[in-house]
Amino acid sequence: MAFSISSTMIFLLSIALFSTLVSADNHLLPGERLNPGNFLKQDRYMLIMQEDCNLVLYNLNKPEWATNTANQGSRCFVTLQSDGNFVIYDEQEGRNEAIWASKTDGENGNYVIILQKDGNLVLYSKPIFATGTNRFGSTAVVVAKRNRKAHFGVEQNIIEVTTNL
């Protein structure tokens, strides 16, 4: 009997560990992509690249926003480009054809697209204003962090600023 309990506990722990390792992020960095069936998740919100090439933001099971690109391609993926443009590409027959874009392309830089706790999908880039007091000529990169609490214990979207020396 002790063996079966021990085996069951090991099995449950391995499932918990595996589900932690494959849990979805709430952000994409330049060069990262969502293939069909992949998604970003934040609490009750989910942004999913559907098999039909439609990118849809769900609040629980209710669609809140979509690119309206259903059936406009096959084998589609969405990616955040290094120029800040968020683009759906159709990979059919070995070519990458853009079928939708956020039209936010600009200079190459540090970008992140975050599915926020309020369900808003937001593209962040360089600061609009800076004091210029950074040390050693470093540049900041904004990276989303999950499951963190800010001042006063309020759980929210938190970003970590990482400096590159």
Protein backbone atom coordinates (compact mmCIF):
# COMPACT_ATOMS: atom_id res chain seq x y z
CA MET A 1 0.00 0.00 0.00
CA ALA A 2 2.84 2.41 0.83
CA PHE A 3 4.30 1.77 -2.62
CA SER A 4 1.10 2.79 -4.43
CA ILE A 5 0.76 5.97 -2.34
CA SER A 6 4.38 6.82 -3.01
CA SER A 7 3.98 6.17 -6.75
CA THR A 8 0.83 8.26 -6.84
CA MET A 9 2.55 11.13 -5.05
CA ILE A 10 5.50 11.01 -7.44
CA PHE A 11 3.12 10.99 -10.40
CA LEU A 12 1.18 14.00 -9.06
CA LEU A 13 4.38 15.90 -8.33
CA SER A 14 5.69 15.22 -11.82
CA ILE A 15 2.43 16.51 -13.34
CA ALA A 16 2.66 19.66 -11.20
CA LEU A 17 6.29 20.19 -12.23
CA PHE A 18 5.54 19.59 -15.92
CA SER A 19 2.56 21.95 -15.92
CA THR A 20 4.74 24.62 -14.32
CA LEU A 21 7.39 24.20 -17.00
CA VAL A 22 4.94 24.51 -19.89
CA SER A 23 2.79 27.28 -18.45
CA ALA A 24 2.19 30.17 -20.79
CA ASP A 25 3.84 33.55 -20.53
CA ASN A 26 2.00 36.84 -20.70
CA HIS A 27 4.45 38.49 -23.08
CA LEU A 28 6.42 38.19 -26.32
CA LEU A 29 9.85 39.64 -27.03
CA PRO A 30 11.19 40.45 -30.51
CA GLY A 31 11.74 37.30 -32.55
CA GLU A 32 9.39 35.21 -30.42
CA ARG A 33 6.25 33.83 -32.00
CA LEU A 34 2.96 32.14 -31.32
CA ASN A 35 2.32 29.18 -33.60
CA PRO A 36 -1.19 27.75 -34.10
CA GLY A 37 -2.53 26.69 -30.71
CA ASN A 38 0.06 28.73 -28.76
CA PHE A 39 -1.13 31.51 -26.50
CA LEU A 40 -0.31 34.24 -24.02
CA LYS A 41 -2.20 34.03 -20.73
CA GLN A 42 -2.84 36.47 -17.93
CA ASP A 43 -5.38 35.45 -15.31
CA ARG A 44 -8.70 35.02 -17.13
CA TYR A 45 -7.43 36.49 -20.42
CA MET A 46 -5.88 34.48 -23.23
CA LEU A 47 -4.50 35.62 -26.59
CA ILE A 48 -4.38 32.59 -28.89
CA MET A 49 -3.12 32.06 -32.43
CA GLN A 50 -5.90 29.82 -33.70
CA GLU A 51 -5.50 27.08 -36.30
CA ASP A 52 -7.65 29.11 -38.74
CA CYS A 53 -5.10 32.01 -38.73
CA ASN A 54 -7.25 34.25 -36.53
CA LEU A 55 -5.53 35.84 -33.51
CA VAL A 56 -8.16 36.16 -30.78
CA LEU A 57 -8.15 37.67 -27.29
CA TYR A 58 -10.54 35.83 -24.96
CA ASN A 59 -11.95 36.88 -21.59
CA LEU A 60 -12.66 33.45 -20.13
CA ASN A 61 -14.40 31.87 -23.16
CA LYS A 62 -15.79 35.09 -24.63
CA PRO A 63 -13.90 36.69 -27.54
CA GLU A 64 -13.03 40.33 -26.77
CA TRP A 65 -10.87 41.22 -29.79
CA ALA A 66 -9.67 39.54 -32.99
CA THR A 67 -7.60 40.29 -36.08
CA ASN A 68 -10.44 38.93 -38.26
CA THR A 69 -7.98 36.90 -40.31
CA ALA A 70 -9.83 33.58 -40.10
CA ASN A 71 -9.26 31.38 -43.15
CA GLN A 72 -6.95 33.91 -44.82
CA GLY A 73 -4.07 31.46 -44.77
CA SER A 74 -2.80 28.19 -43.39
CA ARG A 75 0.04 27.47 -40.98
CA CYS A 76 -0.03 31.04 -39.64
CA PHE A 77 2.01 32.43 -36.78
CA VAL A 78 2.21 35.83 -35.09
CA THR A 79 5.52 37.41 -34.13
CA LEU A 80 6.86 40.58 -32.61
CA GLN A 81 9.49 41.92 -34.98
CA SER A 82 12.61 43.81 -33.87
CA ASP A 83 11.15 46.97 -35.45
CA GLY A 84 8.12 46.82 -33.12
CA ASN A 85 5.62 45.55 -35.69
CA PHE A 86 3.33 42.74 -34.48
CA VAL A 87 2.63 40.63 -37.59
CA ILE A 88 0.70 37.50 -38.58
CA TYR A 89 2.49 35.54 -41.29
CA ASP A 90 1.18 32.69 -43.43
CA GLU A 91 3.90 30.05 -43.88
CA GLN A 92 2.19 28.10 -46.65
CA GLU A 93 4.41 26.62 -49.34
CA GLY A 94 7.61 27.83 -47.70
CA ARG A 95 6.94 31.54 -48.08
CA ASN A 96 6.13 33.99 -45.32
CA GLU A 97 3.35 36.30 -46.43
CA ALA A 98 2.05 38.94 -44.00
CA ILE A 99 -1.74 38.78 -43.70
CA TRP A 100 -2.14 41.24 -40.80
CA ALA A 101 0.05 43.78 -38.99
CA SER A 102 -0.29 46.23 -36.13
CA LYS A 103 1.44 48.85 -38.32
CA THR A 104 3.69 49.85 -35.43
CA ASP A 105 6.97 49.35 -37.26
CA GLY A 106 9.70 51.86 -36.62
CA GLU A 107 13.32 51.73 -35.61
CA ASN A 108 14.86 48.49 -34.43
CA GLY A 109 14.90 48.51 -30.66
CA ASN A 110 13.78 46.95 -27.43
CA TYR A 111 10.10 46.04 -27.53
CA VAL A 112 7.80 43.81 -25.54
CA ILE A 113 4.12 43.06 -26.07
CA ILE A 114 2.31 42.26 -22.82
CA LEU A 115 -1.11 40.81 -22.11
CA GLN A 116 -1.90 42.85 -19.00
CA LYS A 117 -4.02 41.90 -16.00
CA ASP A 118 -6.80 44.19 -17.28
CA GLY A 119 -6.99 42.24 -20.56
CA ASN A 120 -5.32 44.94 -22.62
CA LEU A 121 -2.65 43.78 -25.07
CA VAL A 122 -0.01 46.52 -25.08
CA LEU A 123 3.20 47.06 -27.05
CA TYR A 124 5.92 48.79 -25.02
CA SER A 125 9.10 50.29 -26.40
CA LYS A 126 11.70 52.88 -25.54
CA PRO A 127 11.01 55.51 -22.93
CA ILE A 128 9.50 58.78 -24.08
CA PHE A 129 11.48 60.70 -21.44
CA ALA A 130 14.65 59.82 -19.54
CA THR A 131 16.87 61.79 -17.19
CA GLY A 132 20.01 60.43 -18.87
CA THR A 133 21.52 59.46 -15.53
CA ASN A 134 22.17 55.85 -16.51
CA ARG A 135 25.63 54.62 -15.56
CA PHE A 136 28.31 53.07 -17.75
CA GLY A 137 26.44 53.92 -20.95
CA SER A 138 24.02 51.05 -20.33
CA THR A 139 20.68 50.68 -22.06
CA ALA A 140 17.54 49.37 -20.44
CA VAL A 141 15.46 46.46 -21.66
CA VAL A 142 11.93 46.07 -20.36
CA VAL A 143 11.04 42.48 -19.49
CA ALA A 144 7.68 41.35 -18.15
CA LYS A 145 7.63 39.49 -14.87
CA ARG A 146 4.80 37.31 -13.61
CA ASN A 147 3.28 36.54 -10.25
CA ARG A 148 4.90 39.43 -8.41
CA LYS A 149 3.48 41.89 -5.92
CA ALA A 150 4.20 45.58 -5.90
CA HIS A 151 4.08 48.03 -3.00
CA PHE A 152 1.30 47.47 -0.50
CA GLY A 153 0.94 43.84 -1.64
CA VAL A 154 -1.09 44.71 -4.73
CA GLU A 155 -0.65 42.08 -7.41
CA GLN A 156 -0.22 43.65 -10.83
CA ASN A 157 1.80 43.59 -14.00
CA ILE A 158 5.37 44.22 -13.02
CA ILE A 159 8.21 44.83 -15.35
CA GLU A 160 11.86 44.31 -14.61
CA VAL A 161 14.39 46.69 -16.07
CA THR A 162 17.54 44.84 -17.01
CA THR A 163 20.59 46.83 -17.95
CA ASN A 164 23.02 45.72 -20.62
CA LEU A 165 26.56 46.86 -19.89
